[in-house]
């Protein structure tokens, strides 16, 4: 498994995968930041939203992608990128 700093994904690959799971524009934005290692707190600073709002977005993202947290989220992208 790759560490956060080793996860390299092009925006186009990311968008292909995000399309597959029907993520909204905001979910895509936040998901990409999480994928490249941003914490929830850092994401709140980027978008001026509360930590609870970020957590709610990730609840929706994880439900749509059938994962149960950041670790599975990153693993799913690692697997999907190998397929693309």
PDB file of N, CA and C in Angstrom:
ATOM      1  N   UNK A   1       0.841  -1.182   0.000  1.00  0.00           N
ATOM      2  CA  UNK A   1       0.000   0.000   0.000  1.00  0.00           C
ATOM      3  C   UNK A   1       0.882   1.240   0.000  1.00  0.00           C
ATOM      4  N   UNK A   2       0.465   2.252  -0.729  1.00  0.00           N
ATOM      5  CA  UNK A   2       1.211   3.498  -0.800  1.00  0.00           C
ATOM      6  C   UNK A   2       0.915   4.373   0.407  1.00  0.00           C
ATOM      7  N   UNK A   3       1.899   5.167   0.807  1.00  0.00           N
ATOM      8  CA  UNK A   3       1.647   6.157   1.860  1.00  0.00           C
ATOM      9  C   UNK A   3       1.009   7.375   1.211  1.00  0.00           C
ATOM     10  N   UNK A   4       0.474   8.265   2.055  1.00  0.00           N
ATOM     11  CA  UNK A   4      -0.176   9.456   1.512  1.00  0.00           C
ATOM     12  C   UNK A   4       0.750  10.243   0.597  1.00  0.00           C
ATOM     13  N   UNK A   5       1.996  10.388   0.975  1.00  0.00           N
ATOM     14  CA  UNK A   5       2.922  11.178   0.163  1.00  0.00           C
ATOM     15  C   UNK A   5       3.249  10.493  -1.160  1.00  0.00           C
ATOM     16  N   UNK A   6       3.015   9.190  -1.257  1.00  0.00           N
ATOM     17  CA  UNK A   6       3.317   8.453  -2.481  1.00  0.00           C
ATOM     18  C   UNK A   6       2.123   8.364  -3.437  1.00  0.00           C
ATOM     19  N   UNK A   7       0.959   8.762  -2.970  1.00  0.00           N
ATOM     20  CA  UNK A   7      -0.220   8.695  -3.828  1.00  0.00           C
ATOM     21  C   UNK A   7      -0.097   9.763  -4.902  1.00  0.00           C
ATOM     22  N   UNK A   8      -0.003   9.315  -6.128  1.00  0.00           N
ATOM     23  CA  UNK A   8       0.090  10.242  -7.240  1.00  0.00           C
ATOM     24  C   UNK A   8      -1.056   9.912  -8.179  1.00  0.00           C
ATOM     25  N   UNK A   9      -1.905  10.881  -8.380  1.00  0.00           N
ATOM     26  CA  UNK A   9      -3.045  10.660  -9.258  1.00  0.00           C
ATOM     27  C   UNK A   9      -3.251  11.918 -10.084  1.00  0.00           C
ATOM     28  N   UNK A  10      -3.397  11.732 -11.379  1.00  0.00           N
ATOM     29  CA  UNK A  10      -3.659  12.887 -12.221  1.00  0.00           C
ATOM     30  C   UNK A  10      -5.105  13.311 -12.022  1.00  0.00           C
ATOM     31  N   UNK A  11      -5.364  14.573 -12.254  1.00  0.00           N
ATOM     32  CA  UNK A  11      -6.719  15.096 -12.107  1.00  0.00           C
ATOM     33  C   UNK A  11      -7.668  14.371 -13.063  1.00  0.00           C
ATOM     34  N   UNK A  12      -7.204  14.027 -14.257  1.00  0.00           N
ATOM     35  CA  UNK A  12      -8.087  13.347 -15.210  1.00  0.00           C
ATOM     36  C   UNK A  12      -8.450  11.944 -14.732  1.00  0.00           C
ATOM     37  N   UNK A  13      -7.480  11.197 -14.183  1.00  0.00           N
ATOM     38  CA  UNK A  13      -7.794   9.878 -13.625  1.00  0.00           C
ATOM     39  C   UNK A  13      -8.753  10.022 -12.457  1.00  0.00           C
ATOM     40  N   UNK A  14      -8.480  10.993 -11.606  1.00  0.00           N
ATOM     41  CA  UNK A  14      -9.344  11.219 -10.451  1.00  0.00           C
ATOM     42  C   UNK A  14     -10.774  11.501 -10.910  1.00  0.00           C
ATOM     43  N   UNK A  15     -10.932  12.369 -11.913  1.00  0.00           N
ATOM     44  CA  UNK A  15     -12.270  12.721 -12.391  1.00  0.00           C
ATOM     45  C   UNK A  15     -12.990  11.532 -13.022  1.00  0.00           C
ATOM     46  N   UNK A  16     -12.255  10.666 -13.701  1.00  0.00           N
ATOM     47  CA  UNK A  16     -12.873   9.455 -14.258  1.00  0.00           C
ATOM     48  C   UNK A  16     -13.478   8.604 -13.148  1.00  0.00           C
ATOM     49  N   UNK A  17     -12.717   8.439 -12.087  1.00  0.00           N
ATOM     50  CA  UNK A  17     -13.183   7.625 -10.961  1.00  0.00           C
ATOM     51  C   UNK A  17     -14.326   8.326 -10.239  1.00  0.00           C
ATOM     52  N   UNK A  18     -14.205   9.641 -10.043  1.00  0.00           N
ATOM     53  CA  UNK A  18     -15.267  10.412  -9.385  1.00  0.00           C
ATOM     54  C   UNK A  18     -16.563  10.337 -10.192  1.00  0.00           C
ATOM     55  N   UNK A  19     -16.461  10.372 -11.520  1.00  0.00           N
ATOM     56  CA  UNK A  19     -17.644  10.235 -12.379  1.00  0.00           C
ATOM     57  C   UNK A  19     -18.308   8.882 -12.172  1.00  0.00           C
ATOM     58  N   UNK A  20     -17.492   7.853 -12.093  1.00  0.00           N
ATOM     59  CA  UNK A  20     -18.006   6.494 -11.913  1.00  0.00           C
ATOM     60  C   UNK A  20     -18.882   6.395 -10.669  1.00  0.00           C
ATOM     61  N   UNK A  21     -18.486   7.100  -9.604  1.00  0.00           N
ATOM     62  CA  UNK A  21     -19.223   7.045  -8.341  1.00  0.00           C
ATOM     63  C   UNK A  21     -20.198   8.211  -8.159  1.00  0.00           C
ATOM     64  N   UNK A  22     -20.348   9.023  -9.208  1.00  0.00           N
ATOM     65  CA  UNK A  22     -21.322  10.120  -9.224  1.00  0.00           C
ATOM     66  C   UNK A  22     -21.127  11.117  -8.072  1.00  0.00           C
ATOM     67  N   UNK A  23     -19.871  11.505  -7.849  1.00  0.00           N
ATOM     68  CA  UNK A  23     -19.591  12.497  -6.817  1.00  0.00           C
ATOM     69  C   UNK A  23     -19.974  13.885  -7.322  1.00  0.00           C
ATOM     70  N   UNK A  24     -20.502  14.706  -6.417  1.00  0.00           N
ATOM     71  CA  UNK A  24     -20.834  16.088  -6.766  1.00  0.00           C
ATOM     72  C   UNK A  24     -19.549  16.890  -6.943  1.00  0.00           C
ATOM     73  N   UNK A  25     -19.687  18.103  -7.455  1.00  0.00           N
ATOM     74  CA  UNK A  25     -18.523  18.969  -7.639  1.00  0.00           C
ATOM     75  C   UNK A  25     -17.786  19.184  -6.315  1.00  0.00           C
ATOM     76  N   UNK A  26     -18.511  19.499  -5.245  1.00  0.00           N
ATOM     77  CA  UNK A  26     -17.877  19.740  -3.945  1.00  0.00           C
ATOM     78  C   UNK A  26     -17.251  18.453  -3.403  1.00  0.00           C
ATOM     79  N   UNK A  27     -17.930  17.333  -3.564  1.00  0.00           N
ATOM     80  CA  UNK A  27     -17.369  16.059  -3.111  1.00  0.00           C
ATOM     81  C   UNK A  27     -16.066  15.753  -3.847  1.00  0.00           C
ATOM     82  N   UNK A  28     -16.023  16.073  -5.131  1.00  0.00           N
ATOM     83  CA  UNK A  28     -14.798  15.866  -5.916  1.00  0.00           C
ATOM     84  C   UNK A  28     -13.660  16.729  -5.378  1.00  0.00           C
ATOM     85  N   UNK A  29     -13.977  17.993  -5.109  1.00  0.00           N
ATOM     86  CA  UNK A  29     -12.959  18.915  -4.605  1.00  0.00           C
ATOM     87  C   UNK A  29     -12.381  18.415  -3.286  1.00  0.00           C
ATOM     88  N   UNK A  30     -13.260  18.090  -2.356  1.00  0.00           N
ATOM     89  CA  UNK A  30     -12.811  17.663  -1.036  1.00  0.00           C
ATOM     90  C   UNK A  30     -12.127  16.298  -1.099  1.00  0.00           C
ATOM     91  N   UNK A  31     -12.665  15.402  -1.903  1.00  0.00           N
ATOM     92  CA  UNK A  31     -12.083  14.070  -2.036  1.00  0.00           C
ATOM     93  C   UNK A  31     -10.663  14.113  -2.574  1.00  0.00           C
ATOM     94  N   UNK A  32     -10.426  14.969  -3.551  1.00  0.00           N
ATOM     95  CA  UNK A  32      -9.081  15.080  -4.106  1.00  0.00           C
ATOM     96  C   UNK A  32      -8.100  15.570  -3.050  1.00  0.00           C
ATOM     97  N   UNK A  33      -8.520  16.569  -2.269  1.00  0.00           N
ATOM     98  CA  UNK A  33      -7.638  17.077  -1.213  1.00  0.00           C
ATOM     99  C   UNK A  33      -7.335  15.993  -0.185  1.00  0.00           C
ATOM    100  N   UNK A  34      -8.344  15.223   0.178  1.00  0.00           N
ATOM    101  CA  UNK A  34      -8.137  14.127   1.136  1.00  0.00           C
ATOM    102  C   UNK A  34      -7.178  13.092   0.545  1.00  0.00           C
ATOM    103  N   UNK A  35      -7.361  12.798  -0.723  1.00  0.00           N
ATOM    104  CA  UNK A  35      -6.528  11.789  -1.386  1.00  0.00           C
ATOM    105  C   UNK A  35      -5.052  12.176  -1.386  1.00  0.00           C
ATOM    106  N   UNK A  36      -4.769  13.466  -1.525  1.00  0.00           N
ATOM    107  CA  UNK A  36      -3.369  13.903  -1.553  1.00  0.00           C
ATOM    108  C   UNK A  36      -2.840  14.246  -0.166  1.00  0.00           C
ATOM    109  N   UNK A  37      -3.646  13.971   0.885  1.00  0.00           N
ATOM    110  CA  UNK A  37      -3.122  14.051   2.243  1.00  0.00           C
ATOM    111  C   UNK A  37      -3.598  15.188   3.118  1.00  0.00           C
ATOM    112  N   UNK A  38      -4.541  15.996   2.653  1.00  0.00           N
ATOM    113  CA  UNK A  38      -5.042  17.086   3.485  1.00  0.00           C
ATOM    114  C   UNK A  38      -5.882  16.538   4.635  1.00  0.00           C
ATOM    115  N   UNK A  39      -5.739  17.133   5.799  1.00  0.00           N
ATOM    116  CA  UNK A  39      -6.588  16.779   6.947  1.00  0.00           C
ATOM    117  C   UNK A  39      -7.931  17.493   6.806  1.00  0.00           C
ATOM    118  N   UNK A  40      -8.918  17.039   7.575  1.00  0.00           N
ATOM    119  CA  UNK A  40     -10.215  17.726   7.568  1.00  0.00           C
ATOM    120  C   UNK A  40     -10.047  19.193   7.946  1.00  0.00           C
ATOM    121  N   UNK A  41      -9.207  19.452   8.948  1.00  0.00           N
ATOM    122  CA  UNK A  41      -8.999  20.833   9.388  1.00  0.00           C
ATOM    123  C   UNK A  41      -8.414  21.682   8.266  1.00  0.00           C
ATOM    124  N   UNK A  42      -7.443  21.149   7.551  1.00  0.00           N
ATOM    125  CA  UNK A  42      -6.827  21.895   6.437  1.00  0.00           C
ATOM    126  C   UNK A  42      -7.846  22.150   5.337  1.00  0.00           C
ATOM    127  N   UNK A  43      -8.715  21.198   5.093  1.00  0.00           N
ATOM    128  CA  UNK A  43      -9.769  21.377   4.088  1.00  0.00           C
ATOM    129  C   UNK A  43     -10.707  22.505   4.511  1.00  0.00           C
ATOM    130  N   UNK A  44     -11.027  22.583   5.806  1.00  0.00           N
ATOM    131  CA  UNK A  44     -11.897  23.677   6.283  1.00  0.00           C
ATOM    132  C   UNK A  44     -11.250  25.022   6.014  1.00  0.00           C
ATOM    133  N   UNK A  45      -9.947  25.101   6.162  1.00  0.00           N
ATOM    134  CA  UNK A  45      -9.235  26.351   5.906  1.00  0.00           C
ATOM    135  C   UNK A  45      -9.279  26.725   4.423  1.00  0.00           C
ATOM    136  N   UNK A  46      -9.206  25.745   3.555  1.00  0.00           N
ATOM    137  CA  UNK A  46      -9.230  26.006   2.111  1.00  0.00           C
ATOM    138  C   UNK A  46     -10.587  26.520   1.636  1.00  0.00           C
ATOM    139  N   UNK A  47     -11.657  25.978   2.198  1.00  0.00           N
ATOM    140  CA  UNK A  47     -12.992  26.283   1.690  1.00  0.00           C
ATOM    141  C   UNK A  47     -13.847  27.130   2.621  1.00  0.00           C
ATOM    142  N   UNK A  48     -13.349  27.440   3.814  1.00  0.00           N
ATOM    143  CA  UNK A  48     -14.111  28.281   4.734  1.00  0.00           C
ATOM    144  C   UNK A  48     -15.390  27.621   5.214  1.00  0.00           C
ATOM    145  N   UNK A  49     -15.352  26.308   5.404  1.00  0.00           N
ATOM    146  CA  UNK A  49     -16.516  25.575   5.904  1.00  0.00           C
ATOM    147  C   UNK A  49     -16.140  24.910   7.224  1.00  0.00           C
ATOM    148  N   UNK A  50     -17.134  24.476   7.969  1.00  0.00           N
ATOM    149  CA  UNK A  50     -16.872  23.883   9.284  1.00  0.00           C
ATOM    150  C   UNK A  50     -16.371  22.445   9.154  1.00  0.00           C
ATOM    151  N   UNK A  51     -15.737  21.972  10.212  1.00  0.00           N
ATOM    152  CA  UNK A  51     -15.271  20.584  10.252  1.00  0.00           C
ATOM    153  C   UNK A  51     -16.461  19.636  10.119  1.00  0.00           C
ATOM    154  N   UNK A  52     -17.573  19.981  10.744  1.00  0.00           N
ATOM    155  CA  UNK A  52     -18.767  19.125  10.650  1.00  0.00           C
ATOM    156  C   UNK A  52     -19.258  19.026   9.205  1.00  0.00           C
ATOM    157  N   UNK A  53     -19.181  20.123   8.463  1.00  0.00           N
ATOM    158  CA  UNK A  53     -19.588  20.103   7.054  1.00  0.00           C
ATOM    159  C   UNK A  53     -18.657  19.201   6.252  1.00  0.00           C
ATOM    160  N   UNK A  54     -17.367  19.297   6.510  1.00  0.00           N
ATOM    161  CA  UNK A  54     -16.398  18.428   5.825  1.00  0.00           C
ATOM    162  C   UNK A  54     -16.704  16.968   6.140  1.00  0.00           C
ATOM    163  N   UNK A  55     -16.932  16.668   7.413  1.00  0.00           N
ATOM    164  CA  UNK A  55     -17.237  15.286   7.807  1.00  0.00           C
ATOM    165  C   UNK A  55     -18.504  14.783   7.121  1.00  0.00           C
ATOM    166  N   UNK A  56     -19.511  15.647   7.010  1.00  0.00           N
ATOM    167  CA  UNK A  56     -20.767  15.258   6.355  1.00  0.00           C
ATOM    168  C   UNK A  56     -20.521  14.944   4.873  1.00  0.00           C
ATOM    169  N   UNK A  57     -19.716  15.783   4.220  1.00  0.00           N
ATOM    170  CA  UNK A  57     -19.376  15.510   2.815  1.00  0.00           C
ATOM    171  C   UNK A  57     -18.686  14.147   2.688  1.00  0.00           C
ATOM    172  N   UNK A  58     -17.769  13.849   3.608  1.00  0.00           N
ATOM    173  CA  UNK A  58     -17.067  12.566   3.519  1.00  0.00           C
ATOM    174  C   UNK A  58     -17.980  11.393   3.854  1.00  0.00           C
ATOM    175  N   UNK A  59     -18.955  11.607   4.703  1.00  0.00           N
ATOM    176  CA  UNK A  59     -19.958  10.562   4.938  1.00  0.00           C
ATOM    177  C   UNK A  59     -20.643  10.219   3.620  1.00  0.00           C
ATOM    178  N   UNK A  60     -21.032  11.249   2.866  1.00  0.00           N
ATOM    179  CA  UNK A  60     -21.693  11.027   1.573  1.00  0.00           C
ATOM    180  C   UNK A  60     -20.742  10.380   0.561  1.00  0.00           C
ATOM    181  N   UNK A  61     -19.510  10.869   0.515  1.00  0.00           N
ATOM    182  CA  UNK A  61     -18.522  10.303  -0.413  1.00  0.00           C
ATOM    183  C   UNK A  61     -18.304   8.821  -0.119  1.00  0.00           C
ATOM    184  N   UNK A  62     -18.076   8.499   1.141  1.00  0.00           N
ATOM    185  CA  UNK A  62     -17.803   7.110   1.522  1.00  0.00           C
ATOM    186  C   UNK A  62     -19.004   6.213   1.234  1.00  0.00           C
ATOM    187  N   UNK A  63     -20.217   6.726   1.457  1.00  0.00           N
ATOM    188  CA  UNK A  63     -21.419   5.941   1.140  1.00  0.00           C
ATOM    189  C   UNK A  63     -21.491   5.659  -0.354  1.00  0.00           C
ATOM    190  N   UNK A  64     -21.264   6.674  -1.176  1.00  0.00           N
ATOM    191  CA  UNK A  64     -21.338   6.506  -2.626  1.00  0.00           C
ATOM    192  C   UNK A  64     -20.273   5.541  -3.145  1.00  0.00           C
ATOM    193  N   UNK A  65     -19.126   5.529  -2.473  1.00  0.00           N
ATOM    194  CA  UNK A  65     -18.011   4.711  -2.938  1.00  0.00           C
ATOM    195  C   UNK A  65     -17.920   3.371  -2.213  1.00  0.00           C
ATOM    196  N   UNK A  66     -18.854   3.128  -1.297  1.00  0.00           N
ATOM    197  CA  UNK A  66     -18.924   1.865  -0.554  1.00  0.00           C
ATOM    198  C   UNK A  66     -17.644   1.582   0.232  1.00  0.00           C
ATOM    199  N   UNK A  67     -17.105   2.626   0.887  1.00  0.00           N
ATOM    200  CA  UNK A  67     -15.926   2.482   1.743  1.00  0.00           C
ATOM    201  C   UNK A  67     -16.275   2.971   3.141  1.00  0.00           C
ATOM    202  N   UNK A  68     -15.399   2.669   4.102  1.00  0.00           N
ATOM    203  CA  UNK A  68     -15.696   2.984   5.500  1.00  0.00           C
ATOM    204  C   UNK A  68     -14.652   3.878   6.148  1.00  0.00           C
ATOM    205  N   UNK A  69     -13.995   4.706   5.384  1.00  0.00           N
ATOM    206  CA  UNK A  69     -13.020   5.618   5.965  1.00  0.00           C
ATOM    207  C   UNK A  69     -11.925   5.980   4.983  1.00  0.00           C
ATOM    208  N   UNK A  70     -11.020   6.859   5.453  1.00  0.00           N
ATOM    209  CA  UNK A  70      -9.958   7.372   4.599  1.00  0.00           C
ATOM    210  C   UNK A  70      -9.074   6.263   4.036  1.00  0.00           C
ATOM    211  N   UNK A  71      -8.726   5.310   4.869  1.00  0.00           N
ATOM    212  CA  UNK A  71      -7.834   4.234   4.424  1.00  0.00           C
ATOM    213  C   UNK A  71      -8.448   3.471   3.248  1.00  0.00           C
ATOM    214  N   UNK A  72      -9.704   3.075   3.379  1.00  0.00           N
ATOM    215  CA  UNK A  72     -10.374   2.355   2.286  1.00  0.00           C
ATOM    216  C   UNK A  72     -10.569   3.257   1.072  1.00  0.00           C
ATOM    217  N   UNK A  73     -10.826   4.541   1.311  1.00  0.00           N
ATOM    218  CA  UNK A  73     -10.978   5.526   0.235  1.00  0.00           C
ATOM    219  C   UNK A  73      -9.703   5.567  -0.610  1.00  0.00           C
ATOM    220  N   UNK A  74      -8.556   5.690   0.038  1.00  0.00           N
ATOM    221  CA  UNK A  74      -7.271   5.733  -0.664  1.00  0.00           C
ATOM    222  C   UNK A  74      -7.006   4.403  -1.369  1.00  0.00           C
ATOM    223  N   UNK A  75      -7.286   3.285  -0.696  1.00  0.00           N
ATOM    224  CA  UNK A  75      -7.075   1.969  -1.305  1.00  0.00           C
ATOM    225  C   UNK A  75      -7.919   1.802  -2.561  1.00  0.00           C
ATOM    226  N   UNK A  76      -9.161   2.267  -2.510  1.00  0.00           N
ATOM    227  CA  UNK A  76     -10.035   2.155  -3.673  1.00  0.00           C
ATOM    228  C   UNK A  76      -9.432   2.904  -4.855  1.00  0.00           C
ATOM    229  N   UNK A  77      -8.926   4.109  -4.618  1.00  0.00           N
ATOM    230  CA  UNK A  77      -8.309   4.860  -5.708  1.00  0.00           C
ATOM    231  C   UNK A  77      -7.061   4.165  -6.228  1.00  0.00           C
ATOM    232  N   UNK A  78      -6.274   3.594  -5.345  1.00  0.00           N
ATOM    233  CA  UNK A  78      -5.086   2.850  -5.789  1.00  0.00           C
ATOM    234  C   UNK A  78      -5.496   1.718  -6.723  1.00  0.00           C
ATOM    235  N   UNK A  79      -6.542   0.991  -6.351  1.00  0.00           N
ATOM    236  CA  UNK A  79      -7.023  -0.127  -7.169  1.00  0.00           C
ATOM    237  C   UNK A  79      -7.614   0.362  -8.484  1.00  0.00           C
ATOM    238  N   UNK A  80      -8.423   1.411  -8.420  1.00  0.00           N
ATOM    239  CA  UNK A  80      -9.075   1.940  -9.624  1.00  0.00           C
ATOM    240  C   UNK A  80      -8.057   2.494 -10.617  1.00  0.00           C
ATOM    241  N   UNK A  81      -7.015   3.138 -10.111  1.00  0.00           N
ATOM    242  CA  UNK A  81      -6.003   3.719 -10.993  1.00  0.00           C
ATOM    243  C   UNK A  81      -5.276   2.621 -11.760  1.00  0.00           C
ATOM    244  N   UNK A  82      -5.081   1.471 -11.138  1.00  0.00           N
ATOM    245  CA  UNK A  82      -4.435   0.344 -11.820  1.00  0.00           C
ATOM    246  C   UNK A  82      -5.297  -0.157 -12.973  1.00  0.00           C
ATOM    247  N   UNK A  83      -6.614  -0.018 -12.833  1.00  0.00           N
ATOM    248  CA  UNK A  83      -7.554  -0.490 -13.851  1.00  0.00           C
ATOM    249  C   UNK A  83      -7.649   0.493 -15.005  1.00  0.00           C
ATOM    250  N   UNK A  84      -7.636   1.803 -14.693  1.00  0.00           N
ATOM    251  CA  UNK A  84      -7.855   2.854 -15.704  1.00  0.00           C
ATOM    252  C   UNK A  84      -6.763   2.888 -16.723  1.00  0.00           C
TER     253      UNK A  84
END
